[in-house]
Amino acid sequence: MYGAIWRVLPGPGFLKFLQMLLLIAGVVALLWFVVFPWAEPLLPFGDVTVDGADTTGP
């Protein structure tokens, strides 16, 4: 997959490297600012199941 993207990008190797960095930064920004905030309410990270029992000793 990454090889196919590398072959499609125009320019010499250094320019392809910079373009790949920009693509990676774009994907990370899209995930960080769009996908994760949308999915966060759907995930069970806030569901804590701690009961009030005292387990410090007999």
N, C-alpha and C. Protein backbone atom coordinates (compact mmCIF):
# COMPACT_ATOMS: atom_id res chain seq x y z
N MET A 1 0.83 -1.19 0.00
CA MET A 1 0.00 0.00 0.00
C MET A 1 0.87 1.26 0.00
N TYR A 2 1.84 1.32 0.92
CA TYR A 2 2.69 2.50 1.00
C TYR A 2 3.58 2.63 -0.23
N GLY A 3 3.98 1.48 -0.78
CA GLY A 3 4.77 1.51 -2.00
C GLY A 3 3.98 2.09 -3.16
N ALA A 4 2.69 1.77 -3.23
CA ALA A 4 1.84 2.32 -4.29
C ALA A 4 1.70 3.83 -4.14
N ILE A 5 1.53 4.30 -2.90
CA ILE A 5 1.44 5.75 -2.67
C ILE A 5 2.76 6.41 -3.05
N TRP A 6 3.88 5.78 -2.69
CA TRP A 6 5.20 6.32 -3.00
C TRP A 6 5.39 6.45 -4.50
N ARG A 7 4.95 5.44 -5.27
CA ARG A 7 5.11 5.48 -6.72
C ARG A 7 4.21 6.53 -7.38
N VAL A 8 3.07 6.82 -6.80
CA VAL A 8 2.14 7.77 -7.38
C VAL A 8 2.58 9.22 -7.16
N LEU A 9 3.27 9.49 -6.05
CA LEU A 9 3.69 10.86 -5.75
C LEU A 9 4.70 11.35 -6.78
N PRO A 10 4.55 12.60 -7.22
CA PRO A 10 5.48 13.13 -8.22
C PRO A 10 6.77 13.65 -7.58
N GLY A 11 7.82 13.73 -8.39
CA GLY A 11 9.05 14.36 -7.97
C GLY A 11 10.12 13.38 -7.55
N PRO A 12 11.29 13.93 -7.19
CA PRO A 12 12.39 13.09 -6.72
C PRO A 12 12.14 12.58 -5.30
N GLY A 13 13.04 11.74 -4.81
CA GLY A 13 12.86 11.09 -3.51
C GLY A 13 12.66 12.05 -2.35
N PHE A 14 13.44 13.13 -2.31
CA PHE A 14 13.31 14.08 -1.20
C PHE A 14 11.94 14.74 -1.20
N LEU A 15 11.45 15.11 -2.38
CA LEU A 15 10.13 15.73 -2.47
C LEU A 15 9.03 14.73 -2.10
N LYS A 16 9.20 13.48 -2.51
CA LYS A 16 8.23 12.44 -2.14
C LYS A 16 8.20 12.26 -0.61
N PHE A 17 9.39 12.33 0.00
CA PHE A 17 9.47 12.20 1.45
C PHE A 17 8.70 13.33 2.14
N LEU A 18 8.87 14.56 1.68
CA LEU A 18 8.14 15.69 2.26
C LEU A 18 6.64 15.55 2.04
N GLN A 19 6.24 15.07 0.87
CA GLN A 19 4.83 14.88 0.60
C GLN A 19 4.25 13.78 1.50
N MET A 20 5.02 12.73 1.75
CA MET A 20 4.56 11.67 2.65
C MET A 20 4.40 12.21 4.07
N LEU A 21 5.33 13.07 4.51
CA LEU A 21 5.20 13.67 5.84
C LEU A 21 3.94 14.52 5.94
N LEU A 22 3.65 15.28 4.89
CA LEU A 22 2.43 16.09 4.88
C LEU A 22 1.18 15.22 4.88
N LEU A 23 1.21 14.13 4.14
CA LEU A 23 0.06 13.20 4.13
C LEU A 23 -0.15 12.58 5.51
N ILE A 24 0.93 12.18 6.14
CA ILE A 24 0.82 11.58 7.47
C ILE A 24 0.30 12.61 8.47
N ALA A 25 0.81 13.84 8.41
CA ALA A 25 0.34 14.90 9.30
C ALA A 25 -1.14 15.19 9.07
N GLY A 26 -1.58 15.16 7.82
CA GLY A 26 -2.99 15.38 7.50
C GLY A 26 -3.88 14.29 8.06
N VAL A 27 -3.44 13.05 7.94
CA VAL A 27 -4.23 11.93 8.48
C VAL A 27 -4.30 12.01 10.00
N VAL A 28 -3.18 12.32 10.64
CA VAL A 28 -3.17 12.44 12.10
C VAL A 28 -4.09 13.58 12.55
N ALA A 29 -4.03 14.72 11.86
CA ALA A 29 -4.90 15.85 12.22
C ALA A 29 -6.36 15.50 12.02
N LEU A 30 -6.68 14.80 10.94
CA LEU A 30 -8.06 14.39 10.70
C LEU A 30 -8.55 13.46 11.80
N LEU A 31 -7.73 12.50 12.19
CA LEU A 31 -8.11 11.60 13.27
C LEU A 31 -8.26 12.35 14.59
N TRP A 32 -7.29 13.22 14.90
CA TRP A 32 -7.25 13.91 16.19
C TRP A 32 -8.42 14.87 16.37
N PHE A 33 -8.75 15.62 15.31
CA PHE A 33 -9.74 16.69 15.45
C PHE A 33 -11.14 16.32 14.97
N VAL A 34 -11.29 15.24 14.20
CA VAL A 34 -12.60 14.89 13.66
C VAL A 34 -13.07 13.52 14.15
N VAL A 35 -12.28 12.50 13.89
CA VAL A 35 -12.73 11.13 14.16
C VAL A 35 -12.77 10.82 15.65
N PHE A 36 -11.68 11.12 16.38
CA PHE A 36 -11.66 10.80 17.80
C PHE A 36 -12.71 11.57 18.60
N PRO A 37 -12.91 12.88 18.39
CA PRO A 37 -13.98 13.55 19.13
C PRO A 37 -15.37 13.00 18.79
N TRP A 38 -15.56 12.56 17.56
CA TRP A 38 -16.85 11.97 17.19
C TRP A 38 -17.05 10.62 17.89
N ALA A 39 -16.00 9.81 17.96
CA ALA A 39 -16.13 8.46 18.49
C ALA A 39 -16.03 8.40 20.02
N GLU A 40 -15.50 9.41 20.65
CA GLU A 40 -15.28 9.38 22.10
C GLU A 40 -16.54 9.12 22.91
N PRO A 41 -17.69 9.74 22.60
CA PRO A 41 -18.89 9.43 23.40
C PRO A 41 -19.38 8.00 23.20
N LEU A 42 -18.99 7.36 22.13
CA LEU A 42 -19.43 6.00 21.86
C LEU A 42 -18.58 4.95 22.55
N LEU A 43 -17.43 5.34 23.08
CA LEU A 43 -16.51 4.39 23.71
C LEU A 43 -16.77 4.32 25.21
N PRO A 44 -16.54 3.15 25.82
CA PRO A 44 -16.89 2.95 27.24
C PRO A 44 -15.81 3.37 28.22
N PHE A 45 -15.03 4.41 27.95
CA PHE A 45 -13.95 4.79 28.85
C PHE A 45 -14.47 5.39 30.16
N GLY A 46 -15.65 5.95 30.18
CA GLY A 46 -16.19 6.56 31.38
C GLY A 46 -17.03 5.62 32.23
N ASP A 47 -17.21 4.38 31.78
CA ASP A 47 -18.02 3.42 32.52
C ASP A 47 -17.17 2.72 33.56
N VAL A 48 -17.14 3.29 34.78
CA VAL A 48 -16.34 2.72 35.87
C VAL A 48 -17.25 1.85 36.71
N THR A 49 -16.80 0.65 37.04
CA THR A 49 -17.63 -0.29 37.81
C THR A 49 -16.94 -0.60 39.14
N VAL A 50 -16.78 0.43 39.96
CA VAL A 50 -16.20 0.24 41.29
C VAL A 50 -17.33 0.31 42.29
N ASP A 51 -17.43 -0.72 43.14
CA ASP A 51 -18.50 -0.69 44.13
C ASP A 51 -17.99 -0.02 45.41
N GLY A 52 -18.87 0.21 46.36
CA GLY A 52 -18.52 0.92 47.58
C GLY A 52 -18.07 0.02 48.71
N ALA A 53 -17.81 -1.26 48.43
CA ALA A 53 -17.41 -2.18 49.48
C ALA A 53 -16.01 -1.87 49.98
N ASP A 54 -15.82 -2.03 51.30
CA ASP A 54 -14.52 -1.79 51.90
C ASP A 54 -13.70 -3.09 51.83
N THR A 55 -12.59 -3.05 51.11
CA THR A 55 -11.77 -4.27 50.94
C THR A 55 -10.40 -4.07 51.56
N THR A 56 -10.28 -3.24 52.60
CA THR A 56 -8.97 -2.99 53.20
C THR A 56 -8.56 -4.09 54.17
N GLY A 57 -9.47 -4.91 54.62
CA GLY A 57 -9.11 -5.97 55.55
C GLY A 57 -10.34 -6.57 56.20
N PRO A 58 -10.11 -7.63 57.00
CA PRO A 58 -11.26 -8.31 57.67
C PRO A 58 -11.83 -7.55 58.82
